[in-house]
Amino acid sequence: GPVAETFRVIQGAVTEEYVRSTQGVFQFELSGDGGGTWYIDLKTKGGSAGFGKPSVTADVVMSMSSADFVKMFAGKLKPTLAFMTGRLRIKGNMALAIKLEKML
């Protein structure tokens, strides 16, 4: 589905440079189609992304609908706007969440 496809794209885009500059693990709690727990690990060597919980504790946990998640990563929904309108909930390290937004 679109969520799995988005994570495939993210996995392909993860570079050592992103891992070095970000140093964070992000967990996504998505509701709706293709929802569930997904992660982006930009801390462990090589980085990774996929379905399930990350192998280490997440620094940031983001909760949103899977539809909004796909829109956000496609550039059709600004993370800041999603957060301010309550469509995106963020727990944890806000500075890291902002770093991830820059990567988008």
PDB file of N, CA and C in Angstrom:
ATOM      1  N   GLY A   1       0.814  -1.202   0.000  1.00  0.00           N
ATOM      2  CA  GLY A   1       0.000   0.000   0.000  1.00  0.00           C
ATOM      3  C   GLY A   1       0.849   1.254   0.000  1.00  0.00           C
ATOM      4  N   PRO A   2       0.222   2.432   0.021  1.00  0.00           N
ATOM      5  CA  PRO A   2       0.966   3.694  -0.047  1.00  0.00           C
ATOM      6  C   PRO A   2       1.929   3.901   1.129  1.00  0.00           C
ATOM      7  N   VAL A   3       1.560   3.424   2.331  1.00  0.00           N
ATOM      8  CA  VAL A   3       2.450   3.597   3.489  1.00  0.00           C
ATOM      9  C   VAL A   3       3.722   2.766   3.294  1.00  0.00           C
ATOM     10  N   ALA A   4       3.555   1.499   2.927  1.00  0.00           N
ATOM     11  CA  ALA A   4       4.706   0.616   2.697  1.00  0.00           C
ATOM     12  C   ALA A   4       5.588   1.178   1.584  1.00  0.00           C
ATOM     13  N   GLU A   5       4.965   1.700   0.545  1.00  0.00           N
ATOM     14  CA  GLU A   5       5.704   2.297  -0.575  1.00  0.00           C
ATOM     15  C   GLU A   5       6.513   3.505  -0.099  1.00  0.00           C
ATOM     16  N   THR A   6       5.890   4.349   0.725  1.00  0.00           N
ATOM     17  CA  THR A   6       6.568   5.526   1.267  1.00  0.00           C
ATOM     18  C   THR A   6       7.799   5.109   2.071  1.00  0.00           C
ATOM     19  N   PHE A   7       7.651   4.069   2.909  1.00  0.00           N
ATOM     20  CA  PHE A   7       8.798   3.606   3.697  1.00  0.00           C
ATOM     21  C   PHE A   7       9.887   2.986   2.824  1.00  0.00           C
ATOM     22  N   ARG A   8       9.494   2.361   1.693  1.00  0.00           N
ATOM     23  CA  ARG A   8      10.498   1.834   0.753  1.00  0.00           C
ATOM     24  C   ARG A   8      11.320   2.976   0.184  1.00  0.00           C
ATOM     25  N   VAL A   9      10.640   4.072  -0.163  1.00  0.00           N
ATOM     26  CA  VAL A   9      11.312   5.254  -0.715  1.00  0.00           C
ATOM     27  C   VAL A   9      12.255   5.851   0.338  1.00  0.00           C
ATOM     28  N   ILE A  10      11.762   5.963   1.591  1.00  0.00           N
ATOM     29  CA  ILE A  10      12.574   6.506   2.679  1.00  0.00           C
ATOM     30  C   ILE A  10      13.824   5.649   2.876  1.00  0.00           C
ATOM     31  N   GLN A  11      13.636   4.332   2.934  1.00  0.00           N
ATOM     32  CA  GLN A  11      14.754   3.405   3.115  1.00  0.00           C
ATOM     33  C   GLN A  11      15.816   3.639   2.031  1.00  0.00           C
ATOM     34  N   GLY A  12      15.358   3.847   0.799  1.00  0.00           N
ATOM     35  CA  GLY A  12      16.272   4.087  -0.313  1.00  0.00           C
ATOM     36  C   GLY A  12      16.975   5.434  -0.236  1.00  0.00           C
ATOM     37  N   ALA A  13      16.361   6.382   0.472  1.00  0.00           N
ATOM     38  CA  ALA A  13      16.916   7.739   0.557  1.00  0.00           C
ATOM     39  C   ALA A  13      17.843   7.930   1.759  1.00  0.00           C
ATOM     40  N   VAL A  14      17.830   6.980   2.690  1.00  0.00           N
ATOM     41  CA  VAL A  14      18.659   7.099   3.901  1.00  0.00           C
ATOM     42  C   VAL A  14      20.137   6.966   3.518  1.00  0.00           C
ATOM     43  N   THR A  15      20.919   7.964   3.903  1.00  0.00           N
ATOM     44  CA  THR A  15      22.354   7.931   3.639  1.00  0.00           C
ATOM     45  C   THR A  15      23.123   8.030   4.953  1.00  0.00           C
ATOM     46  N   GLU A  16      24.407   7.673   4.900  1.00  0.00           N
ATOM     47  CA  GLU A  16      25.272   7.822   6.081  1.00  0.00           C
ATOM     48  C   GLU A  16      25.266   9.279   6.549  1.00  0.00           C
ATOM     49  N   GLU A  17      25.203  10.201   5.584  1.00  0.00           N
ATOM     50  CA  GLU A  17      25.209  11.631   5.889  1.00  0.00           C
ATOM     51  C   GLU A  17      23.991  12.012   6.742  1.00  0.00           C
ATOM     52  N   TYR A  18      22.799  11.526   6.351  1.00  0.00           N
ATOM     53  CA  TYR A  18      21.580  11.766   7.139  1.00  0.00           C
ATOM     54  C   TYR A  18      21.711  11.177   8.533  1.00  0.00           C
ATOM     55  N   VAL A  19      22.265   9.960   8.609  1.00  0.00           N
ATOM     56  CA  VAL A  19      22.427   9.293   9.906  1.00  0.00           C
ATOM     57  C   VAL A  19      23.364  10.114  10.787  1.00  0.00           C
ATOM     58  N   ARG A  20      24.506  10.545  10.200  1.00  0.00           N
ATOM     59  CA  ARG A  20      25.483  11.346  10.942  1.00  0.00           C
ATOM     60  C   ARG A  20      24.886  12.655  11.424  1.00  0.00           C
ATOM     61  N   SER A  21      24.135  13.336  10.543  1.00  0.00           N
ATOM     62  CA  SER A  21      23.629  14.662  10.897  1.00  0.00           C
ATOM     63  C   SER A  21      22.371  14.623  11.764  1.00  0.00           C
ATOM     64  N   THR A  22      21.629  13.516  11.738  1.00  0.00           N
ATOM     65  CA  THR A  22      20.366  13.464  12.482  1.00  0.00           C
ATOM     66  C   THR A  22      20.521  12.817  13.853  1.00  0.00           C
ATOM     67  N   GLN A  23      21.093  11.606  13.892  1.00  0.00           N
ATOM     68  CA  GLN A  23      21.284  10.881  15.151  1.00  0.00           C
ATOM     69  C   GLN A  23      19.991  10.753  15.949  1.00  0.00           C
ATOM     70  N   GLY A  24      18.955  10.241  15.302  1.00  0.00           N
ATOM     71  CA  GLY A  24      17.679  10.068  15.982  1.00  0.00           C
ATOM     72  C   GLY A  24      16.906   8.877  15.447  1.00  0.00           C
ATOM     73  N   VAL A  25      16.031   8.343  16.296  1.00  0.00           N
ATOM     74  CA  VAL A  25      15.156   7.238  15.897  1.00  0.00           C
ATOM     75  C   VAL A  25      13.713   7.721  16.018  1.00  0.00           C
ATOM     76  N   PHE A  26      12.958   7.557  14.940  1.00  0.00           N
ATOM     77  CA  PHE A  26      11.593   8.057  14.862  1.00  0.00           C
ATOM     78  C   PHE A  26      10.616   6.898  14.740  1.00  0.00           C
ATOM     79  N   GLN A  27       9.605   6.919  15.565  1.00  0.00           N
ATOM     80  CA  GLN A  27       8.568   5.885  15.511  1.00  0.00           C
ATOM     81  C   GLN A  27       7.269   6.556  15.100  1.00  0.00           C
ATOM     82  N   PHE A  28       6.538   5.900  14.197  1.00  0.00           N
ATOM     83  CA  PHE A  28       5.276   6.443  13.700  1.00  0.00           C
ATOM     84  C   PHE A  28       4.148   5.503  14.077  1.00  0.00           C
ATOM     85  N   GLU A  29       3.146   6.046  14.757  1.00  0.00           N
ATOM     86  CA  GLU A  29       1.938   5.278  15.090  1.00  0.00           C
ATOM     87  C   GLU A  29       0.866   5.755  14.128  1.00  0.00           C
ATOM     88  N   LEU A  30       0.598   4.951  13.113  1.00  0.00           N
ATOM     89  CA  LEU A  30      -0.319   5.368  12.059  1.00  0.00           C
ATOM     90  C   LEU A  30      -1.662   4.663  12.180  1.00  0.00           C
ATOM     91  N   SER A  31      -2.745   5.418  11.983  1.00  0.00           N
ATOM     92  CA  SER A  31      -4.090   4.841  12.042  1.00  0.00           C
ATOM     93  C   SER A  31      -4.657   4.783  10.630  1.00  0.00           C
ATOM     94  N   GLY A  32      -5.584   3.882  10.400  1.00  0.00           N
ATOM     95  CA  GLY A  32      -6.218   3.771   9.091  1.00  0.00           C
ATOM     96  C   GLY A  32      -5.522   2.739   8.211  1.00  0.00           C
ATOM     97  N   ASP A  33      -5.782   2.797   6.909  1.00  0.00           N
ATOM     98  CA  ASP A  33      -5.224   1.841   5.949  1.00  0.00           C
ATOM     99  C   ASP A  33      -3.702   1.814   5.983  1.00  0.00           C
ATOM    100  N   GLY A  34      -3.137   0.616   6.104  1.00  0.00           N
ATOM    101  CA  GLY A  34      -1.680   0.472   6.118  1.00  0.00           C
ATOM    102  C   GLY A  34      -1.067   1.017   7.383  1.00  0.00           C
ATOM    103  N   GLY A  35      -1.895   1.227   8.407  1.00  0.00           N
ATOM    104  CA  GLY A  35      -1.415   1.790   9.657  1.00  0.00           C
ATOM    105  C   GLY A  35      -0.614   0.786  10.465  1.00  0.00           C
ATOM    106  N   GLY A  36      -0.413   1.126  11.734  1.00  0.00           N
ATOM    107  CA  GLY A  36       0.389   0.295  12.613  1.00  0.00           C
ATOM    108  C   GLY A  36       1.625   1.059  13.036  1.00  0.00           C
ATOM    109  N   THR A  37       2.614   0.338  13.534  1.00  0.00           N
ATOM    110  CA  THR A  37       3.849   0.954  14.005  1.00  0.00           C
ATOM    111  C   THR A  37       4.919   0.823  12.927  1.00  0.00           C
ATOM    112  N   TRP A  38       5.523   1.958  12.576  1.00  0.00           N
ATOM    113  CA  TRP A  38       6.598   2.015  11.585  1.00  0.00           C
ATOM    114  C   TRP A  38       7.735   2.828  12.194  1.00  0.00           C
ATOM    115  N   TYR A  39       8.917   2.737  11.610  1.00  0.00           N
ATOM    116  CA  TYR A  39      10.035   3.499  12.173  1.00  0.00           C
ATOM    117  C   TYR A  39      11.014   3.961  11.092  1.00  0.00           C
ATOM    118  N   ILE A  40      11.772   4.996  11.445  1.00  0.00           N
ATOM    119  CA  ILE A  40      12.935   5.421  10.665  1.00  0.00           C
ATOM    120  C   ILE A  40      14.074   5.536  11.677  1.00  0.00           C
ATOM    121  N   ASP A  41      15.122   4.751  11.477  1.00  0.00           N
ATOM    122  CA  ASP A  41      16.283   4.765  12.367  1.00  0.00           C
ATOM    123  C   ASP A  41      17.395   5.549  11.686  1.00  0.00           C
ATOM    124  N   LEU A  42      17.662   6.759  12.191  1.00  0.00           N
ATOM    125  CA  LEU A  42      18.743   7.584  11.666  1.00  0.00           C
ATOM    126  C   LEU A  42      19.803   7.766  12.750  1.00  0.00           C
ATOM    127  N   LYS A  43      20.061   6.660  13.474  1.00  0.00           N
ATOM    128  CA  LYS A  43      21.053   6.687  14.548  1.00  0.00           C
ATOM    129  C   LYS A  43      22.028   5.525  14.379  1.00  0.00           C
ATOM    130  N   THR A  44      21.485   4.334  14.103  1.00  0.00           N
ATOM    131  CA  THR A  44      22.298   3.134  13.943  1.00  0.00           C
ATOM    132  C   THR A  44      23.018   3.186  12.594  1.00  0.00           C
ATOM    133  N   LYS A  45      24.252   2.709  12.565  1.00  0.00           N
ATOM    134  CA  LYS A  45      25.072   2.746  11.341  1.00  0.00           C
ATOM    135  C   LYS A  45      24.288   2.267  10.111  1.00  0.00           C
ATOM    136  N   GLY A  46      24.341   3.054   9.062  1.00  0.00           N
ATOM    137  CA  GLY A  46      23.649   2.684   7.823  1.00  0.00           C
ATOM    138  C   GLY A  46      22.201   3.151   7.787  1.00  0.00           C
ATOM    139  N   GLY A  47      21.582   3.274   8.960  1.00  0.00           N
ATOM    140  CA  GLY A  47      20.188   3.711   9.029  1.00  0.00           C
ATOM    141  C   GLY A  47      19.245   2.663   8.464  1.00  0.00           C
ATOM    142  N   SER A  48      17.986   2.759   8.823  1.00  0.00           N
ATOM    143  CA  SER A  48      16.988   1.823   8.299  1.00  0.00           C
ATOM    144  C   SER A  48      15.597   2.395   8.503  1.00  0.00           C
ATOM    145  N   ALA A  49      14.632   1.785   7.819  1.00  0.00           N
ATOM    146  CA  ALA A  49      13.235   2.201   7.943  1.00  0.00           C
ATOM    147  C   ALA A  49      12.377   0.994   7.655  1.00  0.00           C
ATOM    148  N   GLY A  50      11.211   0.917   8.283  1.00  0.00           N
ATOM    149  CA  GLY A  50      10.339  -0.207   7.994  1.00  0.00           C
ATOM    150  C   GLY A  50       9.201  -0.359   8.970  1.00  0.00           C
ATOM    151  N   PHE A  51       8.574  -1.532   8.907  1.00  0.00           N
ATOM    152  CA  PHE A  51       7.405  -1.828   9.717  1.00  0.00           C
ATOM    153  C   PHE A  51       7.832  -2.402  11.065  1.00  0.00           C
ATOM    154  N   GLY A  52       7.081  -2.054  12.117  1.00  0.00           N
ATOM    155  CA  GLY A  52       7.361  -2.583  13.444  1.00  0.00           C
ATOM    156  C   GLY A  52       8.049  -1.551  14.311  1.00  0.00           C
ATOM    157  N   LYS A  53       8.439  -1.988  15.490  1.00  0.00           N
ATOM    158  CA  LYS A  53       9.129  -1.093  16.423  1.00  0.00           C
ATOM    159  C   LYS A  53      10.614  -1.055  16.062  1.00  0.00           C
ATOM    160  N   PRO A  54      11.282   0.103  16.277  1.00  0.00           N
ATOM    161  CA  PRO A  54      12.726   0.150  16.010  1.00  0.00           C
ATOM    162  C   PRO A  54      13.481  -0.741  17.002  1.00  0.00           C
ATOM    163  N   SER A  55      14.702  -1.135  16.634  1.00  0.00           N
ATOM    164  CA  SER A  55      15.499  -2.025  17.482  1.00  0.00           C
ATOM    165  C   SER A  55      15.984  -1.328  18.750  1.00  0.00           C
ATOM    166  N   VAL A  56      16.005  -0.003  18.731  1.00  0.00           N
ATOM    167  CA  VAL A  56      16.359   0.772  19.927  1.00  0.00           C
ATOM    168  C   VAL A  56      15.186   1.691  20.254  1.00  0.00           C
ATOM    169  N   THR A  57      15.150   2.233  21.459  1.00  0.00           N
ATOM    170  CA  THR A  57      14.051   3.106  21.869  1.00  0.00           C
ATOM    171  C   THR A  57      13.995   4.351  20.987  1.00  0.00           C
ATOM    172  N   ALA A  58      12.795   4.694  20.539  1.00  0.00           N
ATOM    173  CA  ALA A  58      12.615   5.868  19.681  1.00  0.00           C
ATOM    174  C   ALA A  58      12.822   7.155  20.470  1.00  0.00           C
ATOM    175  N   ASP A  59      13.465   8.136  19.822  1.00  0.00           N
ATOM    176  CA  ASP A  59      13.644   9.465  20.427  1.00  0.00           C
ATOM    177  C   ASP A  59      12.390  10.305  20.236  1.00  0.00           C
ATOM    178  N   VAL A  60      11.675  10.035  19.151  1.00  0.00           N
ATOM    179  CA  VAL A  60      10.480  10.789  18.806  1.00  0.00           C
ATOM    180  C   VAL A  60       9.383   9.808  18.382  1.00  0.00           C
ATOM    181  N   VAL A  61       8.181   9.976  18.926  1.00  0.00           N
ATOM    182  CA  VAL A  61       7.044   9.161  18.491  1.00  0.00           C
ATOM    183  C   VAL A  61       6.013  10.110  17.892  1.00  0.00           C
ATOM    184  N   MET A  62       5.647   9.840  16.645  1.00  0.00           N
ATOM    185  CA  MET A  62       4.659  10.676  15.959  1.00  0.00           C
ATOM    186  C   MET A  62       3.409   9.849  15.690  1.00  0.00           C
ATOM    187  N   SER A  63       2.249  10.423  15.996  1.00  0.00           N
ATOM    188  CA  SER A  63       0.976   9.741  15.764  1.00  0.00           C
ATOM    189  C   SER A  63       0.162  10.555  14.772  1.00  0.00           C
ATOM    190  N   MET A  64      -0.343   9.875  13.747  1.00  0.00           N
ATOM    191  CA  MET A  64      -1.170  10.536  12.751  1.00  0.00           C
ATOM    192  C   MET A  64      -1.879   9.481  11.910  1.00  0.00           C
ATOM    193  N   SER A  65      -2.766   9.919  11.011  1.00  0.00           N
ATOM    194  CA  SER A  65      -3.427   8.955  10.122  1.00  0.00           C
ATOM    195  C   SER A  65      -2.452   8.580   9.013  1.00  0.00           C
ATOM    196  N   SER A  66      -2.577   7.359   8.510  1.00  0.00           N
ATOM    197  CA  SER A  66      -1.676   6.925   7.443  1.00  0.00           C
ATOM    198  C   SER A  66      -1.860   7.795   6.189  1.00  0.00           C
ATOM    199  N   ALA A  67      -3.087   8.261   5.930  1.00  0.00           N
ATOM    200  CA  ALA A  67      -3.341   9.131   4.771  1.00  0.00           C
ATOM    201  C   ALA A  67      -2.558  10.440   4.890  1.00  0.00           C
ATOM    202  N   ASP A  68      -2.575  11.041   6.099  1.00  0.00           N
ATOM    203  CA  ASP A  68      -1.827  12.285   6.321  1.00  0.00           C
ATOM    204  C   ASP A  68      -0.326  12.035   6.241  1.00  0.00           C
ATOM    205  N   PHE A  69       0.124  10.874   6.728  1.00  0.00           N
ATOM    206  CA  PHE A  69       1.545  10.527   6.669  1.00  0.00           C
ATOM    207  C   PHE A  69       2.028  10.500   5.219  1.00  0.00           C
ATOM    208  N   VAL A  70       1.276   9.826   4.363  1.00  0.00           N
ATOM    209  CA  VAL A  70       1.640   9.719   2.947  1.00  0.00           C
ATOM    210  C   VAL A  70       1.651  11.110   2.302  1.00  0.00           C
ATOM    211  N   LYS A  71       0.634  11.932   2.620  1.00  0.00           N
ATOM    212  CA  LYS A  71       0.573  13.307   2.095  1.00  0.00           C
ATOM    213  C   LYS A  71       1.783  14.115   2.551  1.00  0.00           C
ATOM    214  N   MET A  72       2.161  13.951   3.830  1.00  0.00           N
ATOM    215  CA  MET A  72       3.276  14.699   4.395  1.00  0.00           C
ATOM    216  C   MET A  72       4.576  14.372   3.667  1.00  0.00           C
ATOM    217  N   PHE A  73       4.839  13.070   3.457  1.00  0.00           N
ATOM    218  CA  PHE A  73       6.084  12.680   2.810  1.00  0.00           C
ATOM    219  C   PHE A  73       6.070  12.961   1.313  1.00  0.00           C
ATOM    220  N   ALA A  74       4.874  13.142   0.742  1.00  0.00           N
ATOM    221  CA  ALA A  74       4.774  13.483  -0.683  1.00  0.00           C
ATOM    222  C   ALA A  74       4.859  15.000  -0.878  1.00  0.00           C
ATOM    223  N   GLY A  75       4.969  15.742   0.250  1.00  0.00           N
ATOM    224  CA  GLY A  75       5.070  17.192   0.177  1.00  0.00           C
ATOM    225  C   GLY A  75       3.730  17.886   0.003  1.00  0.00           C
ATOM    226  N   LYS A  76       2.623  17.149   0.195  1.00  0.00           N
ATOM    227  CA  LYS A  76       1.286  17.741   0.019  1.00  0.00           C
ATOM    228  C   LYS A  76       0.696  18.253   1.333  1.00  0.00           C
ATOM    229  N   LEU A  77       1.392  17.952   2.444  1.00  0.00           N
ATOM    230  CA  LEU A  77       0.926  18.413   3.754  1.00  0.00           C
ATOM    231  C   LEU A  77       2.149  18.843   4.556  1.00  0.00           C
ATOM    232  N   LYS A  78       2.182  20.100   4.961  1.00  0.00           N
ATOM    233  CA  LYS A  78       3.316  20.613   5.736  1.00  0.00           C
ATOM    234  C   LYS A  78       3.258  20.056   7.157  1.00  0.00           C
ATOM    235  N   PRO A  79       4.367  19.449   7.639  1.00  0.00           N
ATOM    236  CA  PRO A  79       4.385  18.890   9.002  1.00  0.00           C
ATOM    237  C   PRO A  79       3.979  19.913  10.064  1.00  0.00           C
ATOM    238  N   THR A  80       4.450  21.162   9.920  1.00  0.00           N
ATOM    239  CA  THR A  80       4.130  22.207  10.901  1.00  0.00           C
ATOM    240  C   THR A  80       2.626  22.449  10.957  1.00  0.00           C
ATOM    241  N   LEU A  81       2.009  22.525   9.780  1.00  0.00           N
ATOM    242  CA  LEU A  81       0.564  22.743   9.705  1.00  0.00           C
ATOM    243  C   LEU A  81      -0.184  21.556  10.318  1.00  0.00           C
ATOM    244  N   ALA A  82       0.254  20.340   9.979  1.00  0.00           N
ATOM    245  CA  ALA A  82      -0.379  19.126  10.512  1.00  0.00           C
ATOM    246  C   ALA A  82      -0.298  19.125  12.039  1.00  0.00           C
ATOM    247  N   PHE A  83       0.851  19.542  12.576  1.00  0.00           N
ATOM    248  CA  PHE A  83       1.052  19.584  14.018  1.00  0.00           C
ATOM    249  C   PHE A  83       0.146  20.639  14.651  1.00  0.00           C
ATOM    250  N   MET A  84       0.121  21.838  14.063  1.00  0.00           N
ATOM    251  CA  MET A  84      -0.656  22.935  14.641  1.00  0.00           C
ATOM    252  C   MET A  84      -2.155  22.686  14.573  1.00  0.00           C
ATOM    253  N   THR A  85      -2.611  21.915  13.598  1.00  0.00           N
ATOM    254  CA  THR A  85      -4.044  21.644  13.464  1.00  0.00           C
ATOM    255  C   THR A  85      -4.446  20.350  14.177  1.00  0.00           C
ATOM    256  N   GLY A  86      -3.495  19.725  14.864  1.00  0.00           N
ATOM    257  CA  GLY A  86      -3.810  18.533  15.648  1.00  0.00           C
ATOM    258  C   GLY A  86      -3.864  17.231  14.860  1.00  0.00           C
ATOM    259  N   ARG A  87      -3.470  17.281  13.587  1.00  0.00           N
ATOM    260  CA  ARG A  87      -3.476  16.056  12.779  1.00  0.00           C
ATOM    261  C   ARG A  87      -2.213  15.226  13.011  1.00  0.00           C
ATOM    262  N   LEU A  88      -1.201  15.855  13.613  1.00  0.00           N
ATOM    263  CA  LEU A  88       0.060  15.188  13.926  1.00  0.00           C
ATOM    264  C   LEU A  88       0.373  15.433  15.393  1.00  0.00           C
ATOM    265  N   ARG A  89       0.555  14.346  16.152  1.00  0.00           N
ATOM    266  CA  ARG A  89       0.938  14.463  17.545  1.00  0.00           C
ATOM    267  C   ARG A  89       2.374  13.983  17.690  1.00  0.00           C
ATOM    268  N   ILE A  90       3.186  14.772  18.413  1.00  0.00           N
ATOM    269  CA  ILE A  90       4.601  14.443  18.576  1.00  0.00           C
ATOM    270  C   ILE A  90       4.937  14.316  20.049  1.00  0.00           C
ATOM    271  N   LYS A  91       5.557  13.179  20.406  1.00  0.00           N
ATOM    272  CA  LYS A  91       6.046  12.978  21.776  1.00  0.00           C
ATOM    273  C   LYS A  91       7.556  12.794  21.684  1.00  0.00           C
ATOM    274  N   GLY A  92       8.263  13.389  22.636  1.00  0.00           N
ATOM    275  CA  GLY A  92       9.714  13.189  22.652  1.00  0.00           C
ATOM    276  C   GLY A  92      10.489  14.424  22.248  1.00  0.00           C
ATOM    277  N   ASN A  93      11.614  14.213  21.588  1.00  0.00           N
ATOM    278  CA  ASN A  93      12.575  15.260  21.272  1.00  0.00           C
ATOM    279  C   ASN A  93      12.119  16.122  20.085  1.00  0.00           C
ATOM    280  N   MET A  94      11.613  17.329  20.394  1.00  0.00           N
ATOM    281  CA  MET A  94      11.091  18.210  19.347  1.00  0.00           C
ATOM    282  C   MET A  94      12.184  18.689  18.394  1.00  0.00           C
ATOM    283  N   ALA A  95      13.394  18.900  18.896  1.00  0.00           N
ATOM    284  CA  ALA A  95      14.496  19.354  18.040  1.00  0.00           C
ATOM    285  C   ALA A  95      14.770  18.321  16.947  1.00  0.00           C
ATOM    286  N   LEU A  96      14.719  17.029  17.329  1.00  0.00           N
ATOM    287  CA  LEU A  96      14.923  15.958  16.351  1.00  0.00           C
ATOM    288  C   LEU A  96      13.767  15.909  15.351  1.00  0.00           C
ATOM    289  N   ALA A  97      12.556  16.147  15.836  1.00  0.00           N
ATOM    290  CA  ALA A  97      11.386  16.151  14.944  1.00  0.00           C
ATOM    291  C   ALA A  97      11.557  17.223  13.872  1.00  0.00           C
ATOM    292  N   ILE A  98      12.116  18.372  14.257  1.00  0.00           N
ATOM    293  CA  ILE A  98      12.347  19.467  13.315  1.00  0.00           C
ATOM    294  C   ILE A  98      13.436  19.076  12.310  1.00  0.00           C
ATOM    295  N   LYS A  99      14.465  18.357  12.772  1.00  0.00           N
ATOM    296  CA  LYS A  99      15.511  17.874  11.864  1.00  0.00           C
ATOM    297  C   LYS A  99      14.920  16.959  10.810  1.00  0.00           C
ATOM    298  N   LEU A 100      13.991  16.087  11.221  1.00  0.00           N
ATOM    299  CA  LEU A 100      13.358  15.165  10.276  1.00  0.00           C
ATOM    300  C   LEU A 100      12.552  15.957   9.244  1.00  0.00           C
ATOM    301  N   GLU A 101      11.874  17.008   9.690  1.00  0.00           N
ATOM    302  CA  GLU A 101      11.085  17.824   8.777  1.00  0.00           C
ATOM    303  C   GLU A 101      11.991  18.418   7.690  1.00  0.00           C
ATOM    304  N   LYS A 102      13.207  18.844   8.067  1.00  0.00           N
ATOM    305  CA  LYS A 102      14.142  19.418   7.086  1.00  0.00           C
ATOM    306  C   LYS A 102      14.523  18.358   6.056  1.00  0.00           C
ATOM    307  N   MET A 103      14.673  17.109   6.504  1.00  0.00           N
ATOM    308  CA  MET A 103      15.037  16.024   5.592  1.00  0.00           C
ATOM    309  C   MET A 103      13.937  15.775   4.569  1.00  0.00           C
ATOM    310  N   LEU A 104      12.680  15.995   4.981  1.00  0.00           N
ATOM    311  CA  LEU A 104      11.546  15.817   4.069  1.00  0.00           C
ATOM    312  C   LEU A 104      11.665  16.823   2.931  1.00  0.00           C
TER     313      LEU A 104
END
